[in-house]
């Protein structure tokens, strides 16, 4: 499954969303989005962005339980069972390249956990 973030012409194709409980972080640089389902029973394919971040290596970041915003994620989602992640892999990217995309997506979506 894929999900797109951004506005034309700056749309980015993310892999996922994946349940946080089942996701295995790859050894890759990427932009990532932490999301929740606001109404999982009636709208199971609708997601709300809680946070955008970037990493040079997703497998070393301590995602998700060790993330400094984990409490914010759970507070908004209600539980870890309602947390999802999508990733835009950027192998061989620089931190500056990733941060520019991250900041752009934050400005478009204004995720609550990026603001808190």
PDB file of N, CA and C in Angstrom:
ATOM      1  N   UNK A   1       0.846  -1.174   0.000  1.00  0.00           N
ATOM      2  CA  UNK A   1       0.000   0.000   0.000  1.00  0.00           C
ATOM      3  C   UNK A   1       0.891   1.237   0.000  1.00  0.00           C
ATOM      4  N   UNK A   2       0.401   2.299  -0.573  1.00  0.00           N
ATOM      5  CA  UNK A   2       1.136   3.558  -0.567  1.00  0.00           C
ATOM      6  C   UNK A   2       0.196   4.690  -0.176  1.00  0.00           C
ATOM      7  N   UNK A   3       0.787   5.773   0.278  1.00  0.00           N
ATOM      8  CA  UNK A   3       0.054   6.963   0.652  1.00  0.00           C
ATOM      9  C   UNK A   3       0.874   8.156   0.174  1.00  0.00           C
ATOM     10  N   UNK A   4       0.202   9.174  -0.326  1.00  0.00           N
ATOM     11  CA  UNK A   4       0.877  10.360  -0.832  1.00  0.00           C
ATOM     12  C   UNK A   4       0.718  11.513   0.139  1.00  0.00           C
ATOM     13  N   UNK A   5       1.817  12.266   0.306  1.00  0.00           N
ATOM     14  CA  UNK A   5       1.789  13.480   1.115  1.00  0.00           C
ATOM     15  C   UNK A   5       2.327  14.633   0.289  1.00  0.00           C
ATOM     16  N   UNK A   6       1.808  15.821   0.551  1.00  0.00           N
ATOM     17  CA  UNK A   6       2.225  17.014  -0.160  1.00  0.00           C
ATOM     18  C   UNK A   6       1.165  17.452  -1.135  1.00  0.00           C
ATOM     19  N   UNK A   7       1.475  18.524  -1.822  1.00  0.00           N
ATOM     20  CA  UNK A   7       0.568  19.080  -2.819  1.00  0.00           C
ATOM     21  C   UNK A   7       1.306  19.140  -4.151  1.00  0.00           C
ATOM     22  N   UNK A   8       0.556  18.936  -5.245  1.00  0.00           N
ATOM     23  CA  UNK A   8       1.184  19.023  -6.570  1.00  0.00           C
ATOM     24  C   UNK A   8       1.843  20.373  -6.737  1.00  0.00           C
ATOM     25  N   UNK A   9       3.022  20.447  -7.273  1.00  0.00           N
ATOM     26  CA  UNK A   9       3.817  19.377  -7.856  1.00  0.00           C
ATOM     27  C   UNK A   9       4.748  18.684  -6.857  1.00  0.00           C
ATOM     28  N   UNK A  10       4.644  19.004  -5.578  1.00  0.00           N
ATOM     29  CA  UNK A  10       5.538  18.415  -4.566  1.00  0.00           C
ATOM     30  C   UNK A  10       4.795  17.356  -3.755  1.00  0.00           C
ATOM     31  N   UNK A  11       4.503  16.237  -4.403  1.00  0.00           N
ATOM     32  CA  UNK A  11       3.858  15.107  -3.742  1.00  0.00           C
ATOM     33  C   UNK A  11       4.882  13.989  -3.595  1.00  0.00           C
ATOM     34  N   UNK A  12       4.853  13.353  -2.448  1.00  0.00           N
ATOM     35  CA  UNK A  12       5.816  12.302  -2.143  1.00  0.00           C
ATOM     36  C   UNK A  12       5.071  10.999  -1.871  1.00  0.00           C
ATOM     37  N   UNK A  13       5.559   9.934  -2.477  1.00  0.00           N
ATOM     38  CA  UNK A  13       4.935   8.614  -2.367  1.00  0.00           C
ATOM     39  C   UNK A  13       5.584   7.841  -1.215  1.00  0.00           C
ATOM     40  N   UNK A  14       4.830   7.641  -0.152  1.00  0.00           N
ATOM     41  CA  UNK A  14       5.300   6.933   1.032  1.00  0.00           C
ATOM     42  C   UNK A  14       4.847   5.487   0.976  1.00  0.00           C
ATOM     43  N   UNK A  15       5.691   4.593   1.465  1.00  0.00           N
ATOM     44  CA  UNK A  15       5.317   3.190   1.623  1.00  0.00           C
ATOM     45  C   UNK A  15       4.564   3.046   2.939  1.00  0.00           C
ATOM     46  N   UNK A  16       3.476   2.303   2.910  1.00  0.00           N
ATOM     47  CA  UNK A  16       2.679   2.113   4.109  1.00  0.00           C
ATOM     48  C   UNK A  16       1.287   2.654   3.895  1.00  0.00           C
ATOM     49  N   UNK A  17       0.560   2.883   4.925  1.00  0.00           N
ATOM     50  CA  UNK A  17       0.953   2.802   6.326  1.00  0.00           C
ATOM     51  C   UNK A  17       1.007   1.372   6.853  1.00  0.00           C
ATOM     52  N   UNK A  18       1.902   1.200   7.832  1.00  0.00           N
ATOM     53  CA  UNK A  18       2.091  -0.068   8.513  1.00  0.00           C
ATOM     54  C   UNK A  18       1.757   0.120   9.993  1.00  0.00           C
ATOM     55  N   UNK A  19       1.191  -0.898  10.597  1.00  0.00           N
ATOM     56  CA  UNK A  19       0.974  -0.871  12.032  1.00  0.00           C
ATOM     57  C   UNK A  19       2.334  -0.782  12.723  1.00  0.00           C
ATOM     58  N   UNK A  20       2.440   0.078  13.712  1.00  0.00           N
ATOM     59  CA  UNK A  20       3.690   0.227  14.459  1.00  0.00           C
ATOM     60  C   UNK A  20       4.107  -1.107  15.079  1.00  0.00           C
ATOM     61  N   UNK A  21       3.140  -1.865  15.539  1.00  0.00           N
ATOM     62  CA  UNK A  21       3.435  -3.137  16.213  1.00  0.00           C
ATOM     63  C   UNK A  21       4.029  -4.179  15.271  1.00  0.00           C
ATOM     64  N   UNK A  22       3.769  -4.070  13.985  1.00  0.00           N
ATOM     65  CA  UNK A  22       4.238  -5.068  13.018  1.00  0.00           C
ATOM     66  C   UNK A  22       5.388  -4.576  12.148  1.00  0.00           C
ATOM     67  N   UNK A  23       5.722  -3.322  12.235  1.00  0.00           N
ATOM     68  CA  UNK A  23       6.699  -2.716  11.337  1.00  0.00           C
ATOM     69  C   UNK A  23       8.126  -3.044  11.758  1.00  0.00           C
ATOM     70  N   UNK A  24       8.938  -3.407  10.787  1.00  0.00           N
ATOM     71  CA  UNK A  24      10.371  -3.624  11.006  1.00  0.00           C
ATOM     72  C   UNK A  24      11.121  -2.507  10.283  1.00  0.00           C
ATOM     73  N   UNK A  25      11.779  -1.618  11.022  1.00  0.00           N
ATOM     74  CA  UNK A  25      12.443  -0.492  10.370  1.00  0.00           C
ATOM     75  C   UNK A  25      13.609  -0.940   9.490  1.00  0.00           C
ATOM     76  N   UNK A  26      13.652  -0.450   8.260  1.00  0.00           N
ATOM     77  CA  UNK A  26      14.773  -0.790   7.383  1.00  0.00           C
ATOM     78  C   UNK A  26      16.008   0.039   7.714  1.00  0.00           C
ATOM     79  N   UNK A  27      17.144  -0.457   7.310  1.00  0.00           N
ATOM     80  CA  UNK A  27      18.403   0.268   7.462  1.00  0.00           C
ATOM     81  C   UNK A  27      18.511   1.229   6.277  1.00  0.00           C
ATOM     82  N   UNK A  28      17.772   2.324   6.368  1.00  0.00           N
ATOM     83  CA  UNK A  28      17.714   3.287   5.266  1.00  0.00           C
ATOM     84  C   UNK A  28      17.465   4.696   5.810  1.00  0.00           C
ATOM     85  N   UNK A  29      17.902   5.676   5.051  1.00  0.00           N
ATOM     86  CA  UNK A  29      17.557   7.061   5.319  1.00  0.00           C
ATOM     87  C   UNK A  29      16.153   7.299   4.773  1.00  0.00           C
ATOM     88  N   UNK A  30      15.385   8.117   5.498  1.00  0.00           N
ATOM     89  CA  UNK A  30      14.001   8.318   5.075  1.00  0.00           C
ATOM     90  C   UNK A  30      13.355   9.487   5.798  1.00  0.00           C
ATOM     91  N   UNK A  31      12.236   9.908   5.235  1.00  0.00           N
ATOM     92  CA  UNK A  31      11.266  10.750   5.920  1.00  0.00           C
ATOM     93  C   UNK A  31      10.200   9.769   6.406  1.00  0.00           C
ATOM     94  N   UNK A  32       9.661   9.979   7.581  1.00  0.00           N
ATOM     95  CA  UNK A  32       8.610   9.094   8.061  1.00  0.00           C
ATOM     96  C   UNK A  32       7.444   9.901   8.613  1.00  0.00           C
ATOM     97  N   UNK A  33       6.290   9.293   8.581  1.00  0.00           N
ATOM     98  CA  UNK A  33       5.076   9.893   9.103  1.00  0.00           C
ATOM     99  C   UNK A  33       4.458   8.945  10.123  1.00  0.00           C
ATOM    100  N   UNK A  34       4.186   9.458  11.300  1.00  0.00           N
ATOM    101  CA  UNK A  34       3.446   8.701  12.307  1.00  0.00           C
ATOM    102  C   UNK A  34       1.988   9.142  12.184  1.00  0.00           C
ATOM    103  N   UNK A  35       1.095   8.149  12.112  1.00  0.00           N
ATOM    104  CA  UNK A  35      -0.317   8.446  11.880  1.00  0.00           C
ATOM    105  C   UNK A  35      -1.202   7.631  12.815  1.00  0.00           C
ATOM    106  N   UNK A  36      -2.479   7.996  12.812  1.00  0.00           N
ATOM    107  CA  UNK A  36      -3.505   7.261  13.534  1.00  0.00           C
ATOM    108  C   UNK A  36      -4.750   7.191  12.664  1.00  0.00           C
ATOM    109  N   UNK A  37      -5.630   6.277  13.018  1.00  0.00           N
ATOM    110  CA  UNK A  37      -6.944   6.212  12.375  1.00  0.00           C
ATOM    111  C   UNK A  37      -7.933   6.929  13.290  1.00  0.00           C
ATOM    112  N   UNK A  38      -8.510   8.056  12.846  1.00  0.00           N
ATOM    113  CA  UNK A  38      -9.454   8.777  13.709  1.00  0.00           C
ATOM    114  C   UNK A  38     -10.768   8.024  13.928  1.00  0.00           C
ATOM    115  N   UNK A  39     -11.186   7.200  12.976  1.00  0.00           N
ATOM    116  CA  UNK A  39     -12.435   6.445  13.083  1.00  0.00           C
ATOM    117  C   UNK A  39     -12.224   5.063  12.471  1.00  0.00           C
ATOM    118  N   UNK A  40     -11.465   4.197  13.167  1.00  0.00           N
ATOM    119  CA  UNK A  40     -11.085   2.908  12.566  1.00  0.00           C
ATOM    120  C   UNK A  40     -12.261   1.994  12.240  1.00  0.00           C
ATOM    121  N   UNK A  41     -13.337   2.108  12.979  1.00  0.00           N
ATOM    122  CA  UNK A  41     -14.485   1.232  12.740  1.00  0.00           C
ATOM    123  C   UNK A  41     -15.230   1.620  11.463  1.00  0.00           C
ATOM    124  N   UNK A  42     -15.536   2.887  11.292  1.00  0.00           N
ATOM    125  CA  UNK A  42     -16.340   3.352  10.159  1.00  0.00           C
ATOM    126  C   UNK A  42     -15.513   3.761   8.944  1.00  0.00           C
ATOM    127  N   UNK A  43     -14.278   4.206   9.171  1.00  0.00           N
ATOM    128  CA  UNK A  43     -13.405   4.652   8.079  1.00  0.00           C
ATOM    129  C   UNK A  43     -12.016   4.058   8.265  1.00  0.00           C
ATOM    130  N   UNK A  44     -11.868   2.745   8.051  1.00  0.00           N
ATOM    131  CA  UNK A  44     -10.594   2.076   8.340  1.00  0.00           C
ATOM    132  C   UNK A  44      -9.432   2.500   7.442  1.00  0.00           C
ATOM    133  N   UNK A  45      -9.690   3.135   6.321  1.00  0.00           N
ATOM    134  CA  UNK A  45      -8.615   3.564   5.422  1.00  0.00           C
ATOM    135  C   UNK A  45      -8.343   5.060   5.485  1.00  0.00           C
ATOM    136  N   UNK A  46      -8.852   5.717   6.514  1.00  0.00           N
ATOM    137  CA  UNK A  46      -8.607   7.144   6.710  1.00  0.00           C
ATOM    138  C   UNK A  46      -7.587   7.320   7.830  1.00  0.00           C
ATOM    139  N   UNK A  47      -6.533   8.084   7.539  1.00  0.00           N
ATOM    140  CA  UNK A  47      -5.458   8.294   8.506  1.00  0.00           C
ATOM    141  C   UNK A  47      -5.269   9.781   8.760  1.00  0.00           C
ATOM    142  N   UNK A  48      -4.847  10.102   9.969  1.00  0.00           N
ATOM    143  CA  UNK A  48      -4.512  11.476  10.353  1.00  0.00           C
ATOM    144  C   UNK A  48      -3.035  11.512  10.732  1.00  0.00           C
ATOM    145  N   UNK A  49      -2.303  12.459  10.182  1.00  0.00           N
ATOM    146  CA  UNK A  49      -0.877  12.600  10.484  1.00  0.00           C
ATOM    147  C   UNK A  49      -0.704  13.196  11.876  1.00  0.00           C
ATOM    148  N   UNK A  50       0.154  12.558  12.666  1.00  0.00           N
ATOM    149  CA  UNK A  50       0.507  13.064  13.990  1.00  0.00           C
ATOM    150  C   UNK A  50       1.893  13.694  14.018  1.00  0.00           C
ATOM    151  N   UNK A  51       2.776  13.228  13.110  1.00  0.00           N
ATOM    152  CA  UNK A  51       4.167  13.666  13.189  1.00  0.00           C
ATOM    153  C   UNK A  51       4.892  13.327  11.891  1.00  0.00           C
ATOM    154  N   UNK A  52       5.768  14.227  11.463  1.00  0.00           N
ATOM    155  CA  UNK A  52       6.724  13.939  10.393  1.00  0.00           C
ATOM    156  C   UNK A  52       8.119  14.040  10.983  1.00  0.00           C
ATOM    157  N   UNK A  53       8.996  13.132  10.582  1.00  0.00           N
ATOM    158  CA  UNK A  53      10.375  13.161  11.025  1.00  0.00           C
ATOM    159  C   UNK A  53      11.289  12.674   9.926  1.00  0.00           C
ATOM    160  N   UNK A  54      12.585  12.781  10.162  1.00  0.00           N
ATOM    161  CA  UNK A  54      13.576  12.297   9.203  1.00  0.00           C
ATOM    162  C   UNK A  54      14.649  11.548   9.964  1.00  0.00           C
ATOM    163  N   UNK A  55      15.283  10.620   9.267  1.00  0.00           N
ATOM    164  CA  UNK A  55      16.338   9.832   9.889  1.00  0.00           C
ATOM    165  C   UNK A  55      17.339   9.382   8.833  1.00  0.00           C
ATOM    166  N   UNK A  56      18.600   9.312   9.221  1.00  0.00           N
ATOM    167  CA  UNK A  56      19.621   8.786   8.317  1.00  0.00           C
ATOM    168  C   UNK A  56      19.608   7.259   8.318  1.00  0.00           C
ATOM    169  N   UNK A  57      18.978   6.656   9.349  1.00  0.00           N
ATOM    170  CA  UNK A  57      18.905   5.199   9.461  1.00  0.00           C
ATOM    171  C   UNK A  57      17.730   4.850  10.371  1.00  0.00           C
ATOM    172  N   UNK A  58      16.626   4.482   9.769  1.00  0.00           N
ATOM    173  CA  UNK A  58      15.415   4.190  10.550  1.00  0.00           C
ATOM    174  C   UNK A  58      15.622   3.099  11.586  1.00  0.00           C
ATOM    175  N   UNK A  59      16.484   2.130  11.308  1.00  0.00           N
ATOM    176  CA  UNK A  59      16.655   1.013  12.239  1.00  0.00           C
ATOM    177  C   UNK A  59      17.432   1.407  13.499  1.00  0.00           C
ATOM    178  N   UNK A  60      18.137   2.526  13.491  1.00  0.00           N
ATOM    179  CA  UNK A  60      18.895   2.953  14.673  1.00  0.00           C
ATOM    180  C   UNK A  60      18.217   4.061  15.456  1.00  0.00           C
ATOM    181  N   UNK A  61      17.120   4.550  14.979  1.00  0.00           N
ATOM    182  CA  UNK A  61      16.500   5.727  15.567  1.00  0.00           C
ATOM    183  C   UNK A  61      15.789   5.462  16.889  1.00  0.00           C
ATOM    184  N   UNK A  62      15.465   4.238  17.185  1.00  0.00           N
ATOM    185  CA  UNK A  62      14.690   3.981  18.384  1.00  0.00           C
ATOM    186  C   UNK A  62      13.215   4.219  18.139  1.00  0.00           C
ATOM    187  N   UNK A  63      12.840   4.141  16.877  1.00  0.00           N
ATOM    188  CA  UNK A  63      11.433   4.304  16.537  1.00  0.00           C
ATOM    189  C   UNK A  63      10.712   3.066  17.012  1.00  0.00           C
ATOM    190  N   UNK A  64       9.694   3.150  17.609  1.00  0.00           N
ATOM    191  CA  UNK A  64       8.788   4.221  17.938  1.00  0.00           C
ATOM    192  C   UNK A  64       8.765   4.429  19.455  1.00  0.00           C
ATOM    193  N   UNK A  65       8.881   3.370  20.193  1.00  0.00           N
ATOM    194  CA  UNK A  65       8.732   3.461  21.651  1.00  0.00           C
ATOM    195  C   UNK A  65       9.781   4.330  22.324  1.00  0.00           C
ATOM    196  N   UNK A  66      10.964   4.446  21.755  1.00  0.00           N
ATOM    197  CA  UNK A  66      12.010   5.280  22.347  1.00  0.00           C
ATOM    198  C   UNK A  66      12.007   6.701  21.797  1.00  0.00           C
ATOM    199  N   UNK A  67      11.095   6.999  20.913  1.00  0.00           N
ATOM    200  CA  UNK A  67      11.034   8.332  20.302  1.00  0.00           C
ATOM    201  C   UNK A  67      10.637   9.370  21.351  1.00  0.00           C
ATOM    202  N   UNK A  68      11.249  10.540  21.297  1.00  0.00           N
ATOM    203  CA  UNK A  68      10.969  11.583  22.280  1.00  0.00           C
ATOM    204  C   UNK A  68       9.523  12.090  22.219  1.00  0.00           C
ATOM    205  N   UNK A  69       8.794  11.792  21.158  1.00  0.00           N
ATOM    206  CA  UNK A  69       7.394  12.202  21.038  1.00  0.00           C
ATOM    207  C   UNK A  69       6.413  11.033  21.217  1.00  0.00           C
ATOM    208  N   UNK A  70       6.896   9.901  21.673  1.00  0.00           N
ATOM    209  CA  UNK A  70       6.043   8.714  21.801  1.00  0.00           C
ATOM    210  C   UNK A  70       4.791   8.987  22.631  1.00  0.00           C
ATOM    211  N   UNK A  71       4.927   9.654  23.751  1.00  0.00           N
ATOM    212  CA  UNK A  71       3.764   9.956  24.595  1.00  0.00           C
ATOM    213  C   UNK A  71       2.735  10.789  23.846  1.00  0.00           C
ATOM    214  N   UNK A  72       3.185  11.709  23.030  1.00  0.00           N
ATOM    215  CA  UNK A  72       2.283  12.518  22.216  1.00  0.00           C
ATOM    216  C   UNK A  72       1.559  11.631  21.204  1.00  0.00           C
ATOM    217  N   UNK A  73       2.279  10.724  20.585  1.00  0.00           N
ATOM    218  CA  UNK A  73       1.654   9.812  19.617  1.00  0.00           C
ATOM    219  C   UNK A  73       0.511   9.034  20.273  1.00  0.00           C
ATOM    220  N   UNK A  74       0.799   8.433  21.427  1.00  0.00           N
ATOM    221  CA  UNK A  74      -0.193   7.602  22.115  1.00  0.00           C
ATOM    222  C   UNK A  74      -1.353   8.453  22.625  1.00  0.00           C
ATOM    223  N   UNK A  75      -1.053   9.639  23.116  1.00  0.00           N
ATOM    224  CA  UNK A  75      -2.107  10.526  23.618  1.00  0.00           C
ATOM    225  C   UNK A  75      -3.131  10.811  22.519  1.00  0.00           C
ATOM    226  N   UNK A  76      -2.664  11.123  21.337  1.00  0.00           N
ATOM    227  CA  UNK A  76      -3.574  11.453  20.230  1.00  0.00           C
ATOM    228  C   UNK A  76      -4.245  10.217  19.643  1.00  0.00           C
ATOM    229  N   UNK A  77      -3.519   9.113  19.581  1.00  0.00           N
ATOM    230  CA  UNK A  77      -4.051   7.890  18.968  1.00  0.00           C
ATOM    231  C   UNK A  77      -4.942   7.092  19.915  1.00  0.00           C
ATOM    232  N   UNK A  78      -4.791   7.311  21.211  1.00  0.00           N
ATOM    233  CA  UNK A  78      -5.563   6.552  22.187  1.00  0.00           C
ATOM    234  C   UNK A  78      -4.824   5.332  22.706  1.00  0.00           C
ATOM    235  N   UNK A  79      -4.026   4.708  21.853  1.00  0.00           N
ATOM    236  CA  UNK A  79      -3.198   3.570  22.257  1.00  0.00           C
ATOM    237  C   UNK A  79      -2.194   3.270  21.148  1.00  0.00           C
ATOM    238  N   UNK A  80      -1.201   2.477  21.490  1.00  0.00           N
ATOM    239  CA  UNK A  80      -0.217   2.076  20.490  1.00  0.00           C
ATOM    240  C   UNK A  80      -0.862   1.243  19.384  1.00  0.00           C
ATOM    241  N   UNK A  81      -1.955   0.570  19.696  1.00  0.00           N
ATOM    242  CA  UNK A  81      -2.664  -0.238  18.694  1.00  0.00           C
ATOM    243  C   UNK A  81      -3.183   0.590  17.531  1.00  0.00           C
ATOM    244  N   UNK A  82      -3.325   1.893  17.727  1.00  0.00           N
ATOM    245  CA  UNK A  82      -3.858   2.777  16.690  1.00  0.00           C
ATOM    246  C   UNK A  82      -2.757   3.631  16.069  1.00  0.00           C
ATOM    247  N   UNK A  83      -1.514   3.225  16.186  1.00  0.00           N
ATOM    248  CA  UNK A  83      -0.398   3.973  15.602  1.00  0.00           C
ATOM    249  C   UNK A  83       0.107   3.283  14.343  1.00  0.00           C
ATOM    250  N   UNK A  84       0.388   4.087  13.328  1.00  0.00           N
ATOM    251  CA  UNK A  84       0.849   3.599  12.028  1.00  0.00           C
ATOM    252  C   UNK A  84       2.011   4.451  11.567  1.00  0.00           C
ATOM    253  N   UNK A  85       2.802   3.881  10.673  1.00  0.00           N
ATOM    254  CA  UNK A  85       3.936   4.600  10.105  1.00  0.00           C
ATOM    255  C   UNK A  85       3.962   4.399   8.596  1.00  0.00           C
ATOM    256  N   UNK A  86       4.368   5.452   7.910  1.00  0.00           N
ATOM    257  CA  UNK A  86       4.626   5.376   6.473  1.00  0.00           C
ATOM    258  C   UNK A  86       5.995   6.004   6.250  1.00  0.00           C
ATOM    259  N   UNK A  87       6.732   5.508   5.251  1.00  0.00           N
ATOM    260  CA  UNK A  87       8.094   5.994   5.031  1.00  0.00           C
ATOM    261  C   UNK A  87       8.332   6.351   3.568  1.00  0.00           C
ATOM    262  N   UNK A  88       9.091   7.419   3.395  1.00  0.00           N
ATOM    263  CA  UNK A  88       9.560   7.838   2.082  1.00  0.00           C
ATOM    264  C   UNK A  88      11.068   7.623   2.093  1.00  0.00           C
ATOM    265  N   UNK A  89      11.492   6.496   1.530  1.00  0.00           N
ATOM    266  CA  UNK A  89      12.904   6.135   1.562  1.00  0.00           C
ATOM    267  C   UNK A  89      13.728   7.075   0.699  1.00  0.00           C
ATOM    268  N   UNK A  90      14.865   7.500   1.244  1.00  0.00           N
ATOM    269  CA  UNK A  90      15.764   8.424   0.555  1.00  0.00           C
ATOM    270  C   UNK A  90      17.207   7.956   0.714  1.00  0.00           C
ATOM    271  N   UNK A  91      17.554   6.790   0.152  1.00  0.00           N
ATOM    272  CA  UNK A  91      18.929   6.308   0.289  1.00  0.00           C
ATOM    273  C   UNK A  91      19.921   7.314  -0.286  1.00  0.00           C
ATOM    274  N   UNK A  92      21.030   7.436   0.399  1.00  0.00           N
ATOM    275  CA  UNK A  92      22.117   8.318  -0.020  1.00  0.00           C
ATOM    276  C   UNK A  92      21.740   9.797  -0.010  1.00  0.00           C
ATOM    277  N   UNK A  93      20.677  10.153   0.692  1.00  0.00           N
ATOM    278  CA  UNK A  93      20.296  11.562   0.811  1.00  0.00           C
ATOM    279  C   UNK A  93      21.098  12.210   1.936  1.00  0.00           C
ATOM    280  N   UNK A  94      21.156  13.523   1.900  1.00  0.00           N
ATOM    281  CA  UNK A  94      21.793  14.266   2.990  1.00  0.00           C
ATOM    282  C   UNK A  94      20.726  14.644   4.016  1.00  0.00           C
ATOM    283  N   UNK A  95      21.178  14.957   5.208  1.00  0.00           N
ATOM    284  CA  UNK A  95      20.246  15.391   6.242  1.00  0.00           C
ATOM    285  C   UNK A  95      19.531  16.663   5.796  1.00  0.00           C
ATOM    286  N   UNK A  96      20.236  17.565   5.135  1.00  0.00           N
ATOM    287  CA  UNK A  96      19.622  18.800   4.655  1.00  0.00           C
ATOM    288  C   UNK A  96      18.510  18.512   3.647  1.00  0.00           C
ATOM    289  N   UNK A  97      18.731  17.574   2.741  1.00  0.00           N
ATOM    290  CA  UNK A  97      17.688  17.206   1.766  1.00  0.00           C
ATOM    291  C   UNK A  97      16.452  16.661   2.471  1.00  0.00           C
ATOM    292  N   UNK A  98      16.663  15.800   3.456  1.00  0.00           N
ATOM    293  CA  UNK A  98      15.535  15.224   4.196  1.00  0.00           C
ATOM    294  C   UNK A  98      14.822  16.280   5.019  1.00  0.00           C
ATOM    295  N   UNK A  99      15.561  17.138   5.664  1.00  0.00           N
ATOM    296  CA  UNK A  99      14.942  18.179   6.499  1.00  0.00           C
ATOM    297  C   UNK A  99      14.103  19.155   5.677  1.00  0.00           C
ATOM    298  N   UNK A 100      14.526  19.458   4.471  1.00  0.00           N
ATOM    299  CA  UNK A 100      13.727  20.349   3.623  1.00  0.00           C
ATOM    300  C   UNK A 100      12.364  19.736   3.315  1.00  0.00           C
ATOM    301  N   UNK A 101      12.339  18.458   2.998  1.00  0.00           N
ATOM    302  CA  UNK A 101      11.068  17.778   2.720  1.00  0.00           C
ATOM    303  C   UNK A 101      10.249  17.662   3.999  1.00  0.00           C
ATOM    304  N   UNK A 102      10.895  17.296   5.083  1.00  0.00           N
ATOM    305  CA  UNK A 102      10.216  17.189   6.377  1.00  0.00           C
ATOM    306  C   UNK A 102       9.536  18.513   6.737  1.00  0.00           C
ATOM    307  N   UNK A 103      10.269  19.614   6.640  1.00  0.00           N
ATOM    308  CA  UNK A 103       9.714  20.920   6.994  1.00  0.00           C
ATOM    309  C   UNK A 103       8.574  21.327   6.053  1.00  0.00           C
ATOM    310  N   UNK A 104       8.713  20.996   4.780  1.00  0.00           N
ATOM    311  CA  UNK A 104       7.636  21.272   3.826  1.00  0.00           C
ATOM    312  C   UNK A 104       6.364  20.524   4.241  1.00  0.00           C
ATOM    313  N   UNK A 105       6.484  19.230   4.544  1.00  0.00           N
ATOM    314  CA  UNK A 105       5.312  18.439   4.924  1.00  0.00           C
ATOM    315  C   UNK A 105       4.712  18.915   6.244  1.00  0.00           C
ATOM    316  N   UNK A 106       5.536  19.306   7.180  1.00  0.00           N
ATOM    317  CA  UNK A 106       5.036  19.869   8.440  1.00  0.00           C
ATOM    318  C   UNK A 106       4.241  21.134   8.165  1.00  0.00           C
ATOM    319  N   UNK A 107       4.737  21.982   7.260  1.00  0.00           N
ATOM    320  CA  UNK A 107       4.028  23.227   6.948  1.00  0.00           C
ATOM    321  C   UNK A 107       2.690  22.976   6.264  1.00  0.00           C
ATOM    322  N   UNK A 108       2.590  21.903   5.479  1.00  0.00           N
ATOM    323  CA  UNK A 108       1.341  21.580   4.780  1.00  0.00           C
ATOM    324  C   UNK A 108       0.320  20.972   5.732  1.00  0.00           C
ATOM    325  N   UNK A 109       0.751  20.059   6.613  1.00  0.00           N
ATOM    326  CA  UNK A 109      -0.182  19.279   7.429  1.00  0.00           C
ATOM    327  C   UNK A 109      -0.301  19.734   8.876  1.00  0.00           C
ATOM    328  N   UNK A 110       0.673  20.479   9.386  1.00  0.00           N
ATOM    329  CA  UNK A 110       0.653  20.959  10.757  1.00  0.00           C
ATOM    330  C   UNK A 110       0.325  19.849  11.769  1.00  0.00           C
ATOM    331  N   UNK A 111       1.106  18.755  11.785  1.00  0.00           N
ATOM    332  CA  UNK A 111       0.811  17.639  12.686  1.00  0.00           C
ATOM    333  C   UNK A 111       0.924  18.057  14.160  1.00  0.00           C
ATOM    334  N   UNK A 112       0.016  17.591  14.994  1.00  0.00           N
ATOM    335  CA  UNK A 112       0.010  18.031  16.394  1.00  0.00           C
ATOM    336  C   UNK A 112       1.278  17.687  17.160  1.00  0.00           C
ATOM    337  N   UNK A 113       1.895  16.557  16.898  1.00  0.00           N
ATOM    338  CA  UNK A 113       3.081  16.169  17.677  1.00  0.00           C
ATOM    339  C   UNK A 113       4.354  16.876  17.210  1.00  0.00           C
ATOM    340  N   UNK A 114       4.338  17.506  16.046  1.00  0.00           N
ATOM    341  CA  UNK A 114       5.459  18.353  15.646  1.00  0.00           C
ATOM    342  C   UNK A 114       5.361  19.696  16.349  1.00  0.00           C
ATOM    343  N   UNK A 115       4.141  20.102  16.723  1.00  0.00           N
ATOM    344  CA  UNK A 115       3.916  21.399  17.360  1.00  0.00           C
ATOM    345  C   UNK A 115       4.098  21.344  18.878  1.00  0.00           C
ATOM    346  N   UNK A 116       3.855  20.190  19.479  1.00  0.00           N
ATOM    347  CA  UNK A 116       3.916  20.083  20.946  1.00  0.00           C
ATOM    348  C   UNK A 116       5.337  19.894  21.422  1.00  0.00           C
TER     349      UNK A 116
END
